[in-house]
Amino acid sequence: MGMPKLEATFETLVDAFVFLDKNKDGYVSRNEMAQAISESGERSSGGIVMKRFEEMDWDKNGMVKFKEFLFAFTNWVGIDDEEEGEEKV
């Protein structure tokens, strides 16, 4: 594709979603997210995990689709249209 950084980033996002989606139904539930965080060994409070889940669950149905996950992630990291090192003209 000629965009190795983009491809690698997208692959990482897919891998993260798959890690969270424990029952492989295409959605991440609150319980799956808590289970994944516990398995990862991260020492995080339940409140932080649930806050992140709520940020991802845009339609507030208790399940996070990949699209919701993707948009929440881009909001968290602040992806811009510009490449690193480019200046605005």
N, C-alpha and C. Protein backbone atom coordinates (compact mmCIF):
# COMPACT_ATOMS: atom_id res chain seq x y z
N MET A 1 0.81 -1.21 0.00
CA MET A 1 0.00 0.00 0.00
C MET A 1 0.85 1.26 0.00
N GLY A 2 2.10 1.15 0.39
CA GLY A 2 2.96 2.32 0.38
C GLY A 2 2.82 3.21 1.60
N MET A 3 2.09 2.77 2.61
CA MET A 3 1.89 3.57 3.81
C MET A 3 2.18 2.69 5.03
N PRO A 4 3.44 2.31 5.23
CA PRO A 4 3.76 1.35 6.29
C PRO A 4 3.38 1.82 7.70
N LYS A 5 3.54 3.12 7.99
CA LYS A 5 3.18 3.61 9.33
C LYS A 5 1.68 3.48 9.56
N LEU A 6 0.89 3.83 8.56
CA LEU A 6 -0.56 3.73 8.68
C LEU A 6 -0.99 2.28 8.82
N GLU A 7 -0.41 1.41 8.01
CA GLU A 7 -0.74 -0.01 8.08
C GLU A 7 -0.40 -0.59 9.44
N ALA A 8 0.76 -0.25 9.97
CA ALA A 8 1.19 -0.77 11.27
C ALA A 8 0.28 -0.25 12.38
N THR A 9 -0.10 1.01 12.29
CA THR A 9 -1.00 1.59 13.29
C THR A 9 -2.35 0.92 13.25
N PHE A 10 -2.89 0.72 12.06
CA PHE A 10 -4.20 0.08 11.93
C PHE A 10 -4.13 -1.35 12.45
N GLU A 11 -3.06 -2.06 12.14
CA GLU A 11 -2.90 -3.44 12.62
C GLU A 11 -2.86 -3.47 14.15
N THR A 12 -2.18 -2.51 14.76
CA THR A 12 -2.12 -2.43 16.22
C THR A 12 -3.51 -2.19 16.80
N LEU A 13 -4.28 -1.31 16.16
CA LEU A 13 -5.64 -1.03 16.64
C LEU A 13 -6.52 -2.27 16.54
N VAL A 14 -6.42 -2.98 15.45
CA VAL A 14 -7.20 -4.21 15.28
C VAL A 14 -6.80 -5.23 16.34
N ASP A 15 -5.50 -5.39 16.56
CA ASP A 15 -5.02 -6.33 17.57
C ASP A 15 -5.53 -5.96 18.96
N ALA A 16 -5.54 -4.68 19.28
CA ALA A 16 -6.04 -4.23 20.59
C ALA A 16 -7.53 -4.53 20.74
N PHE A 17 -8.30 -4.28 19.68
CA PHE A 17 -9.73 -4.58 19.74
C PHE A 17 -9.97 -6.08 19.91
N VAL A 18 -9.25 -6.88 19.17
CA VAL A 18 -9.38 -8.33 19.26
C VAL A 18 -9.02 -8.81 20.67
N PHE A 19 -7.99 -8.22 21.26
CA PHE A 19 -7.61 -8.57 22.63
C PHE A 19 -8.75 -8.27 23.61
N LEU A 20 -9.43 -7.15 23.42
CA LEU A 20 -10.54 -6.77 24.31
C LEU A 20 -11.79 -7.61 24.08
N ASP A 21 -12.02 -8.01 22.84
CA ASP A 21 -13.23 -8.76 22.47
C ASP A 21 -13.03 -10.24 22.81
N LYS A 22 -13.18 -10.56 24.08
CA LYS A 22 -12.87 -11.91 24.57
C LYS A 22 -13.73 -13.01 23.94
N ASN A 23 -15.01 -12.76 23.70
CA ASN A 23 -15.87 -13.82 23.14
C ASN A 23 -15.96 -13.76 21.62
N LYS A 24 -15.21 -12.85 21.02
CA LYS A 24 -15.07 -12.74 19.56
C LYS A 24 -16.40 -12.55 18.83
N ASP A 25 -17.30 -11.73 19.44
CA ASP A 25 -18.58 -11.46 18.80
C ASP A 25 -18.60 -10.13 18.05
N GLY A 26 -17.46 -9.43 18.02
CA GLY A 26 -17.38 -8.16 17.30
C GLY A 26 -17.71 -6.95 18.14
N TYR A 27 -17.94 -7.18 19.43
CA TYR A 27 -18.25 -6.10 20.37
C TYR A 27 -17.43 -6.29 21.63
N VAL A 28 -17.17 -5.19 22.34
CA VAL A 28 -16.49 -5.26 23.63
C VAL A 28 -17.49 -4.81 24.68
N SER A 29 -17.73 -5.67 25.67
CA SER A 29 -18.62 -5.32 26.78
C SER A 29 -17.79 -4.78 27.94
N ARG A 30 -18.46 -4.22 28.94
CA ARG A 30 -17.77 -3.75 30.14
C ARG A 30 -16.98 -4.90 30.78
N ASN A 31 -17.63 -6.05 30.90
CA ASN A 31 -16.98 -7.19 31.54
C ASN A 31 -15.75 -7.64 30.77
N GLU A 32 -15.85 -7.67 29.43
CA GLU A 32 -14.70 -8.06 28.62
C GLU A 32 -13.54 -7.08 28.80
N MET A 33 -13.87 -5.80 28.87
CA MET A 33 -12.82 -4.81 29.03
C MET A 33 -12.15 -4.97 30.39
N ALA A 34 -12.94 -5.16 31.45
CA ALA A 34 -12.37 -5.35 32.78
C ALA A 34 -11.50 -6.61 32.81
N GLN A 35 -11.97 -7.68 32.16
CA GLN A 35 -11.22 -8.93 32.12
C GLN A 35 -9.89 -8.74 31.38
N ALA A 36 -9.93 -8.04 30.25
CA ALA A 36 -8.72 -7.82 29.47
C ALA A 36 -7.70 -6.99 30.25
N ILE A 37 -8.17 -5.96 30.93
CA ILE A 37 -7.26 -5.12 31.71
C ILE A 37 -6.63 -5.93 32.84
N SER A 38 -7.44 -6.76 33.48
CA SER A 38 -6.94 -7.63 34.54
C SER A 38 -5.89 -8.59 34.01
N GLU A 39 -6.15 -9.21 32.85
CA GLU A 39 -5.20 -10.15 32.24
C GLU A 39 -3.90 -9.48 31.82
N SER A 40 -3.98 -8.22 31.47
CA SER A 40 -2.80 -7.52 30.97
C SER A 40 -1.80 -7.21 32.09
N GLY A 41 -2.27 -7.31 33.34
CA GLY A 41 -1.39 -7.00 34.46
C GLY A 41 -1.33 -5.53 34.79
N GLU A 42 -2.10 -4.72 34.07
CA GLU A 42 -2.15 -3.28 34.35
C GLU A 42 -2.75 -3.06 35.73
N ARG A 43 -2.15 -2.16 36.48
CA ARG A 43 -2.71 -1.81 37.78
C ARG A 43 -3.49 -0.53 37.58
N SER A 44 -4.76 -0.69 37.30
CA SER A 44 -5.63 0.44 37.00
C SER A 44 -6.89 0.33 37.83
N SER A 45 -7.39 1.46 38.27
CA SER A 45 -8.61 1.41 39.07
C SER A 45 -9.80 1.10 38.17
N GLY A 46 -10.79 0.45 38.75
CA GLY A 46 -12.00 0.12 38.00
C GLY A 46 -12.69 1.36 37.47
N GLY A 47 -12.57 2.47 38.20
CA GLY A 47 -13.19 3.72 37.77
C GLY A 47 -12.61 4.24 36.47
N ILE A 48 -11.30 4.12 36.33
CA ILE A 48 -10.64 4.58 35.11
C ILE A 48 -11.05 3.70 33.93
N VAL A 49 -11.08 2.38 34.17
CA VAL A 49 -11.48 1.45 33.12
C VAL A 49 -12.90 1.76 32.65
N MET A 50 -13.81 1.99 33.59
CA MET A 50 -15.20 2.26 33.21
C MET A 50 -15.34 3.62 32.52
N LYS A 51 -14.53 4.60 32.94
CA LYS A 51 -14.56 5.91 32.27
C LYS A 51 -14.13 5.75 30.82
N ARG A 52 -13.07 4.99 30.58
CA ARG A 52 -12.61 4.76 29.20
C ARG A 52 -13.68 4.00 28.41
N PHE A 53 -14.33 3.03 29.06
CA PHE A 53 -15.38 2.29 28.37
C PHE A 53 -16.51 3.24 27.97
N GLU A 54 -16.93 4.10 28.87
CA GLU A 54 -18.00 5.05 28.57
C GLU A 54 -17.60 6.00 27.44
N GLU A 55 -16.34 6.37 27.38
CA GLU A 55 -15.86 7.22 26.28
C GLU A 55 -15.94 6.49 24.94
N MET A 56 -15.78 5.18 24.95
CA MET A 56 -15.85 4.40 23.71
C MET A 56 -17.29 4.10 23.32
N ASP A 57 -18.17 3.91 24.29
CA ASP A 57 -19.55 3.50 24.03
C ASP A 57 -20.41 4.71 23.65
N TRP A 58 -20.21 5.20 22.43
CA TRP A 58 -20.87 6.42 22.00
C TRP A 58 -22.39 6.31 21.95
N ASP A 59 -22.91 5.15 21.57
CA ASP A 59 -24.37 5.02 21.48
C ASP A 59 -24.99 4.54 22.80
N LYS A 60 -24.16 4.37 23.82
CA LYS A 60 -24.59 4.03 25.19
C LYS A 60 -25.44 2.76 25.26
N ASN A 61 -25.07 1.75 24.45
CA ASN A 61 -25.82 0.50 24.47
C ASN A 61 -25.11 -0.58 25.28
N GLY A 62 -24.01 -0.24 25.93
CA GLY A 62 -23.28 -1.19 26.75
C GLY A 62 -22.32 -2.08 25.98
N MET A 63 -22.19 -1.84 24.69
CA MET A 63 -21.29 -2.62 23.84
C MET A 63 -20.52 -1.66 22.94
N VAL A 64 -19.25 -1.94 22.72
CA VAL A 64 -18.40 -1.09 21.88
C VAL A 64 -18.09 -1.82 20.58
N LYS A 65 -18.51 -1.22 19.47
CA LYS A 65 -18.18 -1.73 18.13
C LYS A 65 -16.78 -1.23 17.77
N PHE A 66 -16.17 -1.87 16.76
CA PHE A 66 -14.83 -1.44 16.34
C PHE A 66 -14.83 0.03 15.93
N LYS A 67 -15.86 0.47 15.24
CA LYS A 67 -15.93 1.86 14.80
C LYS A 67 -15.88 2.82 16.00
N GLU A 68 -16.62 2.50 17.05
CA GLU A 68 -16.60 3.34 18.25
C GLU A 68 -15.21 3.33 18.89
N PHE A 69 -14.61 2.13 18.94
CA PHE A 69 -13.26 1.98 19.49
C PHE A 69 -12.27 2.83 18.70
N LEU A 70 -12.34 2.77 17.40
CA LEU A 70 -11.43 3.51 16.53
C LEU A 70 -11.56 5.01 16.73
N PHE A 71 -12.79 5.52 16.73
CA PHE A 71 -12.99 6.96 16.91
C PHE A 71 -12.57 7.43 18.29
N ALA A 72 -12.85 6.63 19.33
CA ALA A 72 -12.43 7.01 20.68
C ALA A 72 -10.91 7.06 20.76
N PHE A 73 -10.24 6.08 20.18
CA PHE A 73 -8.78 6.05 20.20
C PHE A 73 -8.20 7.28 19.51
N THR A 74 -8.73 7.63 18.35
CA THR A 74 -8.19 8.80 17.64
C THR A 74 -8.42 10.08 18.44
N ASN A 75 -9.50 10.14 19.21
CA ASN A 75 -9.71 11.30 20.08
C ASN A 75 -8.69 11.33 21.21
N TRP A 76 -8.37 10.15 21.77
CA TRP A 76 -7.42 10.08 22.88
C TRP A 76 -6.03 10.49 22.46
N VAL A 77 -5.58 10.08 21.29
CA VAL A 77 -4.21 10.37 20.88
C VAL A 77 -4.08 11.61 20.03
N GLY A 78 -5.20 12.19 19.60
CA GLY A 78 -5.17 13.43 18.85
C GLY A 78 -4.52 13.32 17.49
N ILE A 79 -4.97 12.36 16.70
CA ILE A 79 -4.41 12.18 15.36
C ILE A 79 -4.75 13.38 14.49
N ASP A 80 -3.72 13.95 13.86
CA ASP A 80 -3.89 15.10 12.99
C ASP A 80 -3.79 14.67 11.54
N ASP A 81 -4.17 15.59 10.65
CA ASP A 81 -4.04 15.34 9.22
C ASP A 81 -2.61 15.50 8.74
N GLU A 82 -1.78 16.18 9.53
CA GLU A 82 -0.42 16.47 9.12
C GLU A 82 0.54 15.39 9.57
N GLU A 83 1.52 15.12 8.77
CA GLU A 83 2.60 14.21 9.13
C GLU A 83 3.53 14.92 10.10
N GLU A 84 4.25 14.13 10.92
CA GLU A 84 5.25 14.71 11.79
C GLU A 84 6.30 15.45 10.96
N GLY A 85 6.66 16.61 11.46
CA GLY A 85 7.70 17.36 10.79
C GLY A 85 7.20 18.28 9.69
N GLU A 86 5.94 18.14 9.30
CA GLU A 86 5.40 19.04 8.28
C GLU A 86 5.00 20.34 8.92
N GLU A 87 5.18 21.40 8.20
CA GLU A 87 4.78 22.72 8.71
C GLU A 87 3.58 23.20 7.92
N LYS A 88 2.72 23.96 8.61
CA LYS A 88 1.59 24.58 7.91
C LYS A 88 2.11 25.72 7.07
N VAL A 89 1.55 25.85 5.89
CA VAL A 89 1.96 26.93 4.99
C VAL A 89 0.87 27.95 4.90
